[in-house]
C-alpha atoms as a PDB file:
ATOM      1  CA  UNK A   1     131.676 101.352  79.977  1.00  0.00           C
ATOM      2  CA  UNK A   2     133.922 102.420  77.079  1.00  0.00           C
ATOM      3  CA  UNK A   3     132.623 103.019  73.572  1.00  0.00           C
ATOM      4  CA  UNK A   4     134.241  99.757  72.415  1.00  0.00           C
ATOM      5  CA  UNK A   5     132.365  97.658  74.994  1.00  0.00           C
ATOM      6  CA  UNK A   6     129.179  95.952  73.764  1.00  0.00           C
ATOM      7  CA  UNK A   7     125.983  97.613  74.952  1.00  0.00           C
ATOM      8  CA  UNK A   8     123.964  94.666  73.620  1.00  0.00           C
ATOM      9  CA  UNK A   9     124.987  91.107  72.838  1.00  0.00           C
ATOM     10  CA  UNK A  10     122.648  88.403  71.519  1.00  0.00           C
ATOM     11  CA  UNK A  11     124.198  84.939  71.252  1.00  0.00           C
ATOM     12  CA  UNK A  12     122.641  82.006  69.355  1.00  0.00           C
ATOM     13  CA  UNK A  13     119.208  83.521  69.866  1.00  0.00           C
ATOM     14  CA  UNK A  14     116.201  81.369  69.002  1.00  0.00           C
ATOM     15  CA  UNK A  15     112.661  82.698  69.437  1.00  0.00           C
ATOM     16  CA  UNK A  16     109.390  80.875  68.848  1.00  0.00           C
ATOM     17  CA  UNK A  17     105.800  80.884  70.000  1.00  0.00           C
ATOM     18  CA  UNK A  18     104.110  77.710  71.176  1.00  0.00           C
ATOM     19  CA  UNK A  19     104.759  74.631  69.068  1.00  0.00           C
ATOM     20  CA  UNK A  20     105.304  76.634  65.878  1.00  0.00           C
ATOM     21  CA  UNK A  21     108.597  76.712  63.991  1.00  0.00           C
ATOM     22  CA  UNK A  22     111.007  79.328  65.358  1.00  0.00           C
ATOM     23  CA  UNK A  23     110.564  82.906  64.188  1.00  0.00           C
ATOM     24  CA  UNK A  24     114.276  83.559  64.778  1.00  0.00           C
ATOM     25  CA  UNK A  25     116.961  80.866  64.706  1.00  0.00           C
ATOM     26  CA  UNK A  26     120.541  81.123  65.948  1.00  0.00           C
ATOM     27  CA  UNK A  27     120.772  84.895  65.604  1.00  0.00           C
ATOM     28  CA  UNK A  28     123.847  86.731  66.857  1.00  0.00           C
ATOM     29  CA  UNK A  29     124.111  90.486  67.325  1.00  0.00           C
ATOM     30  CA  UNK A  30     126.639  92.768  69.013  1.00  0.00           C
ATOM     31  CA  UNK A  31     126.051  96.513  69.336  1.00  0.00           C
ATOM     32  CA  UNK A  32     128.904  98.639  70.675  1.00  0.00           C
ATOM     33  CA  UNK A  33     128.252 101.462  73.123  1.00  0.00           C
ATOM     34  CA  UNK A  34     127.362 104.639  71.246  1.00  0.00           C
ATOM     35  CA  UNK A  35     126.684 102.776  67.993  1.00  0.00           C
ATOM     36  CA  UNK A  36     123.480 102.805  65.941  1.00  0.00           C
ATOM     37  CA  UNK A  37     122.680  99.549  64.157  1.00  0.00           C
ATOM     38  CA  UNK A  38     119.814  99.359  61.649  1.00  0.00           C
ATOM     39  CA  UNK A  39     117.871  96.174  60.879  1.00  0.00           C
ATOM     40  CA  UNK A  40     116.266  95.789  57.453  1.00  0.00           C
ATOM     41  CA  UNK A  41     114.552  92.843  55.830  1.00  0.00           C
ATOM     42  CA  UNK A  42     111.239  91.573  54.472  1.00  0.00           C
ATOM     43  CA  UNK A  43     108.079  91.636  56.559  1.00  0.00           C
ATOM     44  CA  UNK A  44     107.930  88.694  58.932  1.00  0.00           C
ATOM     45  CA  UNK A  45     111.688  88.214  59.285  1.00  0.00           C
ATOM     46  CA  UNK A  46     111.633  89.055  62.992  1.00  0.00           C
ATOM     47  CA  UNK A  47     113.085  92.580  63.097  1.00  0.00           C
ATOM     48  CA  UNK A  48     110.567  93.847  65.632  1.00  0.00           C
ATOM     49  CA  UNK A  49     110.855  90.603  67.586  1.00  0.00           C
ATOM     50  CA  UNK A  50     114.586  91.244  68.006  1.00  0.00           C
ATOM     51  CA  UNK A  51     113.803  94.632  69.552  1.00  0.00           C
ATOM     52  CA  UNK A  52     111.305  93.101  71.957  1.00  0.00           C
ATOM     53  CA  UNK A  53     113.768  90.430  73.024  1.00  0.00           C
ATOM     54  CA  UNK A  54     116.409  93.094  73.702  1.00  0.00           C
ATOM     55  CA  UNK A  55     113.839  95.050  75.724  1.00  0.00           C
ATOM     56  CA  UNK A  56     112.906  91.974  77.759  1.00  0.00           C
ATOM     57  CA  UNK A  57     109.325  91.956  76.454  1.00  0.00           C
ATOM     58  CA  UNK A  58     109.731  88.503  74.858  1.00  0.00           C
ATOM     59  CA  UNK A  59     111.679  85.592  76.337  1.00  0.00           C
ATOM     60  CA  UNK A  60     113.719  83.547  73.828  1.00  0.00           C
ATOM     61  CA  UNK A  61     113.503  79.776  73.584  1.00  0.00           C
ATOM     62  CA  UNK A  62     117.269  79.587  73.839  1.00  0.00           C
ATOM     63  CA  UNK A  63     120.383  81.702  73.591  1.00  0.00           C
ATOM     64  CA  UNK A  64     121.760  84.563  75.648  1.00  0.00           C
ATOM     65  CA  UNK A  65     120.598  88.172  75.889  1.00  0.00           C
ATOM     66  CA  UNK A  66     123.122  90.537  77.481  1.00  0.00           C
ATOM     67  CA  UNK A  67     122.459  94.220  78.009  1.00  0.00           C
ATOM     68  CA  UNK A  68     124.938  96.367  79.907  1.00  0.00           C
ATOM     69  CA  UNK A  69     122.364  98.899  81.123  1.00  0.00           C
ATOM     70  CA  UNK A  70     118.747  98.709  82.256  1.00  0.00           C
ATOM     71  CA  UNK A  71     118.208 102.339  81.192  1.00  0.00           C
ATOM     72  CA  UNK A  72     116.261 101.680  78.015  1.00  0.00           C
ATOM     73  CA  UNK A  73     113.792 103.601  75.861  1.00  0.00           C
ATOM     74  CA  UNK A  74     111.456 102.351  73.105  1.00  0.00           C
ATOM     75  CA  UNK A  75     110.028 104.405  70.234  1.00  0.00           C
ATOM     76  CA  UNK A  76     107.197 102.627  68.400  1.00  0.00           C
ATOM     77  CA  UNK A  77     105.572 102.997  64.977  1.00  0.00           C
ATOM     78  CA  UNK A  78     102.750 104.991  66.539  1.00  0.00           C
ATOM     79  CA  UNK A  79     103.375 107.963  68.821  1.00  0.00           C
ATOM     80  CA  UNK A  80     101.004 106.440  71.425  1.00  0.00           C
ATOM     81  CA  UNK A  81     100.419 109.742  73.196  1.00  0.00           C
ATOM     82  CA  UNK A  82      97.750 110.095  75.876  1.00  0.00           C
ATOM     83  CA  UNK A  83      95.058 112.213  74.166  1.00  0.00           C
ATOM     84  CA  UNK A  84      94.064 114.113  77.318  1.00  0.00           C
ATOM     85  CA  UNK A  85      97.631 115.182  78.084  1.00  0.00           C
ATOM     86  CA  UNK A  86      99.531 118.103  76.603  1.00  0.00           C
ATOM     87  CA  UNK A  87     102.807 117.573  74.765  1.00  0.00           C
ATOM     88  CA  UNK A  88     104.706 118.553  77.902  1.00  0.00           C
ATOM     89  CA  UNK A  89     102.646 116.202  80.090  1.00  0.00           C
ATOM     90  CA  UNK A  90     103.148 113.320  77.658  1.00  0.00           C
ATOM     91  CA  UNK A  91     106.912 113.753  77.946  1.00  0.00           C
ATOM     92  CA  UNK A  92     106.510 113.888  81.726  1.00  0.00           C
ATOM     93  CA  UNK A  93     105.044 110.364  81.534  1.00  0.00           C
ATOM     94  CA  UNK A  94     108.490 109.065  80.598  1.00  0.00           C
ATOM     95  CA  UNK A  95     109.784 110.344  83.932  1.00  0.00           C
ATOM     96  CA  UNK A  96     106.736 109.192  85.896  1.00  0.00           C
ATOM     97  CA  UNK A  97     107.300 105.627  84.682  1.00  0.00           C
ATOM     98  CA  UNK A  98     111.057 105.738  85.282  1.00  0.00           C
ATOM     99  CA  UNK A  99     113.085 104.775  88.321  1.00  0.00           C
ATOM    100  CA  UNK A 100     111.921 106.483  91.504  1.00  0.00           C
ATOM    101  CA  UNK A 101     113.972 109.564  92.309  1.00  0.00           C
ATOM    102  CA  UNK A 102     115.903 109.509  89.025  1.00  0.00           C
ATOM    103  CA  UNK A 103     115.993 112.347  88.239  1.00  0.00           C
ATOM    104  CA  UNK A 104     114.716 114.195  91.329  1.00  0.00           C
ATOM    105  CA  UNK A 105     111.253 115.644  90.730  1.00  0.00           C
ATOM    106  CA  UNK A 106     112.594 119.196  91.083  1.00  0.00           C
ATOM    107  CA  UNK A 107     114.574 118.622  87.849  1.00  0.00           C
ATOM    108  CA  UNK A 108     111.655 117.313  85.789  1.00  0.00           C
ATOM    109  CA  UNK A 109     110.517 120.593  84.250  1.00  0.00           C
ATOM    110  CA  UNK A 110     114.029 121.421  83.074  1.00  0.00           C
ATOM    111  CA  UNK A 111     114.586 117.897  81.748  1.00  0.00           C
ATOM    112  CA  UNK A 112     111.272 117.965  79.848  1.00  0.00           C
ATOM    113  CA  UNK A 113     112.010 121.371  78.320  1.00  0.00           C
ATOM    114  CA  UNK A 114     115.518 120.287  77.312  1.00  0.00           C
ATOM    115  CA  UNK A 115     114.266 117.193  75.498  1.00  0.00           C
ATOM    116  CA  UNK A 116     111.412 118.993  73.743  1.00  0.00           C
ATOM    117  CA  UNK A 117     113.923 121.555  72.520  1.00  0.00           C
ATOM    118  CA  UNK A 118     116.338 118.779  71.508  1.00  0.00           C
ATOM    119  CA  UNK A 119     113.725 117.166  69.241  1.00  0.00           C
ATOM    120  CA  UNK A 120     112.885 120.523  67.650  1.00  0.00           C
ATOM    121  CA  UNK A 121     109.456 121.181  69.165  1.00  0.00           C
ATOM    122  CA  UNK A 122     109.169 124.835  70.151  1.00  0.00           C
ATOM    123  CA  UNK A 123     107.553 126.118  73.377  1.00  0.00           C
ATOM    124  CA  UNK A 124     104.509 127.336  71.437  1.00  0.00           C
ATOM    125  CA  UNK A 125     103.500 123.658  71.018  1.00  0.00           C
ATOM    126  CA  UNK A 126     104.144 122.360  74.541  1.00  0.00           C
ATOM    127  CA  UNK A 127     100.632 123.071  75.837  1.00  0.00           C
ATOM    128  CA  UNK A 128      98.898 121.497  72.836  1.00  0.00           C
ATOM    129  CA  UNK A 129      97.172 118.124  72.973  1.00  0.00           C
ATOM    130  CA  UNK A 130      97.917 115.399  70.408  1.00  0.00           C
ATOM    131  CA  UNK A 131      94.940 116.221  68.147  1.00  0.00           C
ATOM    132  CA  UNK A 132      96.358 119.738  67.757  1.00  0.00           C
ATOM    133  CA  UNK A 133      99.742 118.467  66.546  1.00  0.00           C
ATOM    134  CA  UNK A 134     100.814 117.164  63.146  1.00  0.00           C
ATOM    135  CA  UNK A 135     102.004 113.583  62.756  1.00  0.00           C
ATOM    136  CA  UNK A 136     105.620 114.713  62.738  1.00  0.00           C
ATOM    137  CA  UNK A 137     105.115 116.782  65.886  1.00  0.00           C
ATOM    138  CA  UNK A 138     103.455 113.861  67.669  1.00  0.00           C
ATOM    139  CA  UNK A 139     106.434 111.675  66.834  1.00  0.00           C
ATOM    140  CA  UNK A 140     108.774 114.352  68.170  1.00  0.00           C
ATOM    141  CA  UNK A 141     106.860 114.263  71.461  1.00  0.00           C
ATOM    142  CA  UNK A 142     107.140 110.462  71.500  1.00  0.00           C
ATOM    143  CA  UNK A 143     110.890 110.716  70.946  1.00  0.00           C
ATOM    144  CA  UNK A 144     111.250 113.353  73.683  1.00  0.00           C
ATOM    145  CA  UNK A 145     109.318 111.078  76.058  1.00  0.00           C
ATOM    146  CA  UNK A 146     111.763 108.235  75.382  1.00  0.00           C
ATOM    147  CA  UNK A 147     114.750 110.565  75.808  1.00  0.00           C
ATOM    148  CA  UNK A 148     113.576 112.225  79.033  1.00  0.00           C
ATOM    149  CA  UNK A 149     114.857 109.486  81.412  1.00  0.00           C
ATOM    150  CA  UNK A 150     118.258 109.695  79.634  1.00  0.00           C
ATOM    151  CA  UNK A 151     118.428 106.078  78.463  1.00  0.00           C
ATOM    152  CA  UNK A 152     121.684 104.386  77.552  1.00  0.00           C
ATOM    153  CA  UNK A 153     119.909 102.344  74.860  1.00  0.00           C
ATOM    154  CA  UNK A 154     117.087 103.347  72.524  1.00  0.00           C
ATOM    155  CA  UNK A 155     115.099 100.896  70.392  1.00  0.00           C
ATOM    156  CA  UNK A 156     113.221 102.177  67.333  1.00  0.00           C
ATOM    157  CA  UNK A 157     110.475 100.152  65.626  1.00  0.00           C
ATOM    158  CA  UNK A 158     109.865 101.959  62.304  1.00  0.00           C
ATOM    159  CA  UNK A 159     109.074 105.216  64.131  1.00  0.00           C
ATOM    160  CA  UNK A 160     108.901 107.407  61.032  1.00  0.00           C
ATOM    161  CA  UNK A 161     107.190 104.983  58.623  1.00  0.00           C
ATOM    162  CA  UNK A 162     103.847 106.824  58.586  1.00  0.00           C
ATOM    163  CA  UNK A 163     105.316 110.289  57.980  1.00  0.00           C
ATOM    164  CA  UNK A 164     105.647 112.157  54.707  1.00  0.00           C
ATOM    165  CA  UNK A 165     109.068 112.112  53.075  1.00  0.00           C
ATOM    166  CA  UNK A 166     110.038 115.631  54.157  1.00  0.00           C
ATOM    167  CA  UNK A 167     109.115 115.010  57.809  1.00  0.00           C
ATOM    168  CA  UNK A 168     110.909 111.662  57.803  1.00  0.00           C
ATOM    169  CA  UNK A 169     114.115 113.181  56.437  1.00  0.00           C
ATOM    170  CA  UNK A 170     114.054 116.027  58.948  1.00  0.00           C
ATOM    171  CA  UNK A 171     113.530 113.601  61.829  1.00  0.00           C
ATOM    172  CA  UNK A 172     116.351 111.389  60.519  1.00  0.00           C
ATOM    173  CA  UNK A 173     118.614 114.442  60.542  1.00  0.00           C
ATOM    174  CA  UNK A 174     117.503 115.464  64.035  1.00  0.00           C
ATOM    175  CA  UNK A 175     117.949 111.916  65.335  1.00  0.00           C
ATOM    176  CA  UNK A 176     121.566 111.839  64.160  1.00  0.00           C
ATOM    177  CA  UNK A 177     122.240 115.177  65.822  1.00  0.00           C
ATOM    178  CA  UNK A 178     120.614 114.120  69.112  1.00  0.00           C
ATOM    179  CA  UNK A 179     122.538 110.840  69.234  1.00  0.00           C
ATOM    180  CA  UNK A 180     125.830 112.624  68.645  1.00  0.00           C
ATOM    181  CA  UNK A 181     125.002 115.110  71.400  1.00  0.00           C
ATOM    182  CA  UNK A 182     123.686 112.625  73.968  1.00  0.00           C
ATOM    183  CA  UNK A 183     125.778 109.539  73.224  1.00  0.00           C
ATOM    184  CA  UNK A 184     123.212 106.758  73.600  1.00  0.00           C
ATOM    185  CA  UNK A 185     123.248 103.440  71.729  1.00  0.00           C
ATOM    186  CA  UNK A 186     120.487 102.576  69.251  1.00  0.00           C
ATOM    187  CA  UNK A 187     118.911  99.714  67.307  1.00  0.00           C
ATOM    188  CA  UNK A 188     116.683 100.979  64.492  1.00  0.00           C
ATOM    189  CA  UNK A 189     114.196  98.872  62.506  1.00  0.00           C
ATOM    190  CA  UNK A 190     113.077 100.208  59.124  1.00  0.00           C
ATOM    191  CA  UNK A 191     111.953  99.097  55.663  1.00  0.00           C
ATOM    192  CA  UNK A 192     113.537 102.183  54.097  1.00  0.00           C
ATOM    193  CA  UNK A 193     117.097 101.447  52.966  1.00  0.00           C
ATOM    194  CA  UNK A 194     118.147 105.091  52.586  1.00  0.00           C
ATOM    195  CA  UNK A 195     116.877 105.793  56.090  1.00  0.00           C
ATOM    196  CA  UNK A 196     118.839 102.806  57.419  1.00  0.00           C
ATOM    197  CA  UNK A 197     122.047 104.115  55.853  1.00  0.00           C
ATOM    198  CA  UNK A 198     121.433 107.691  56.956  1.00  0.00           C
ATOM    199  CA  UNK A 199     120.856 107.013  60.672  1.00  0.00           C
ATOM    200  CA  UNK A 200     123.213 104.094  61.320  1.00  0.00           C
ATOM    201  CA  UNK A 201     126.828 103.016  61.634  1.00  0.00           C
ATOM    202  CA  UNK A 202     126.032  99.477  60.433  1.00  0.00           C
ATOM    203  CA  UNK A 203     123.111  97.877  58.618  1.00  0.00           C
ATOM    204  CA  UNK A 204     122.161  94.235  59.164  1.00  0.00           C
ATOM    205  CA  UNK A 205     120.054  92.532  56.495  1.00  0.00           C
ATOM    206  CA  UNK A 206     117.693  89.829  57.745  1.00  0.00           C
ATOM    207  CA  UNK A 207     115.953  86.973  55.949  1.00  0.00           C
ATOM    208  CA  UNK A 208     112.806  85.158  57.056  1.00  0.00           C
ATOM    209  CA  UNK A 209     111.672  81.586  57.753  1.00  0.00           C
ATOM    210  CA  UNK A 210     113.491  81.533  60.080  1.00  0.00           C
ATOM    211  CA  UNK A 211     114.628  85.045  60.904  1.00  0.00           C
ATOM    212  CA  UNK A 212     118.400  85.400  60.699  1.00  0.00           C
ATOM    213  CA  UNK A 213     121.086  87.889  59.679  1.00  0.00           C
ATOM    214  CA  UNK A 214     122.387  87.222  56.161  1.00  0.00           C
ATOM    215  CA  UNK A 215     124.489  90.331  55.492  1.00  0.00           C
ATOM    216  CA  UNK A 216     126.233  93.125  57.377  1.00  0.00           C
ATOM    217  CA  UNK A 217     127.125  96.421  55.713  1.00  0.00           C
ATOM    218  CA  UNK A 218     129.289  99.046  57.411  1.00  0.00           C
ATOM    219  CA  UNK A 219     128.341 102.719  56.993  1.00  0.00           C
ATOM    220  CA  UNK A 220     131.658 104.622  57.323  1.00  0.00           C
ATOM    221  CA  UNK A 221     130.131 108.019  56.519  1.00  0.00           C
ATOM    222  CA  UNK A 222     131.203 111.052  58.517  1.00  0.00           C
ATOM    223  CA  UNK A 223     128.832 113.092  60.670  1.00  0.00           C
ATOM    224  CA  UNK A 224     127.041 115.419  60.264  1.00  0.00           C
ATOM    225  CA  UNK A 225     125.345 113.745  57.318  1.00  0.00           C
ATOM    226  CA  UNK A 226     123.068 115.009  54.598  1.00  0.00           C
ATOM    227  CA  UNK A 227     120.491 113.130  52.599  1.00  0.00           C
ATOM    228  CA  UNK A 228     121.947 111.741  49.381  1.00  0.00           C
ATOM    229  CA  UNK A 229     122.188 113.595  46.135  1.00  0.00           C
ATOM    230  CA  UNK A 230     123.016 112.169  42.753  1.00  0.00           C
ATOM    231  CA  UNK A 231     126.721 112.882  43.268  1.00  0.00           C
ATOM    232  CA  UNK A 232     126.984 111.287  46.723  1.00  0.00           C
ATOM    233  CA  UNK A 233     128.773 108.184  45.489  1.00  0.00           C
ATOM    234  CA  UNK A 234     129.755 106.650  48.845  1.00  0.00           C
ATOM    235  CA  UNK A 235     126.209 106.832  50.214  1.00  0.00           C
ATOM    236  CA  UNK A 236     124.719 105.390  47.043  1.00  0.00           C
ATOM    237  CA  UNK A 237     127.295 102.575  46.906  1.00  0.00           C
ATOM    238  CA  UNK A 238     126.329 101.501  50.434  1.00  0.00           C
ATOM    239  CA  UNK A 239     122.629 101.762  49.594  1.00  0.00           C
ATOM    240  CA  UNK A 240     123.094  99.639  46.474  1.00  0.00           C
ATOM    241  CA  UNK A 241     124.980  96.957  48.437  1.00  0.00           C
ATOM    242  CA  UNK A 242     122.080  96.674  50.883  1.00  0.00           C
ATOM    243  CA  UNK A 243     119.537  96.656  48.048  1.00  0.00           C
ATOM    244  CA  UNK A 244     121.453  93.796  46.411  1.00  0.00           C
ATOM    245  CA  UNK A 245     121.417  91.797  49.655  1.00  0.00           C
ATOM    246  CA  UNK A 246     117.665  92.354  49.998  1.00  0.00           C
ATOM    247  CA  UNK A 247     117.077  91.279  46.401  1.00  0.00           C
ATOM    248  CA  UNK A 248     119.012  88.117  47.157  1.00  0.00           C
ATOM    249  CA  UNK A 249     116.727  87.425  50.111  1.00  0.00           C
ATOM    250  CA  UNK A 250     113.600  87.931  47.991  1.00  0.00           C
ATOM    251  CA  UNK A 251     114.937  85.810  45.112  1.00  0.00           C
ATOM    252  CA  UNK A 252     115.828  82.980  47.495  1.00  0.00           C
ATOM    253  CA  UNK A 253     112.282  83.019  48.875  1.00  0.00           C
ATOM    254  CA  UNK A 254     110.839  83.010  45.349  1.00  0.00           C
ATOM    255  CA  UNK A 255     112.980  80.040  44.287  1.00  0.00           C
ATOM    256  CA  UNK A 256     112.012  78.134  47.432  1.00  0.00           C
ATOM    257  CA  UNK A 257     108.328  78.788  46.838  1.00  0.00           C
ATOM    258  CA  UNK A 258     108.480  77.531  43.256  1.00  0.00           C
ATOM    259  CA  UNK A 259     110.530  74.422  44.022  1.00  0.00           C
END
């Protein structure tokens, strides 16, 4: 698979539950191999539903879901660590639940150590249980667990939303570095526009009722990136374009509600 080949393709995707109106209607999405695409939009527009359809957790009413690889990882809003397991043992769970014999069990300890180091969690924390770790550290363990099986595709459902601003920015920075080093493809859901710009190559803006993509904004910023300062005109221009698209979504909803 070359980097120009699509890792994910959704075609005319419609998703609904029971007899209710569709949550997502006619959505199309193509993610190239090695690309990170961010999804932003108001609550209820179906961002998380898109991730679950890609992962095969929800079946669409109609449309096509194509995924080149079955090697997939999912990072959720909560770290969801097993409280009785150490950080190292929680990462091991990602291998225990993976394909049998891949990697061979003799390689597990090295793989676990490599991923914990990749996410910036030092060996002094590996024997700690979740209650002994900060929120940022727990999320690093969750990320290492998803990375341990070496997925080709990673799905992120607002993984850093509950963290303080400093921890979020550091994890954004680390995520960019890890993706550049490991080469996986990603789809990242967030409500934070600056985060969307910082971690992605493209940002898709979604509207609700039904969920659909209404704008696409390219992020042609070089790596490695830094968080924006007042003088970072290119970053701020992209952010403002996305903000304007989101305002348009909100204003359209407001006009519809008052009509």
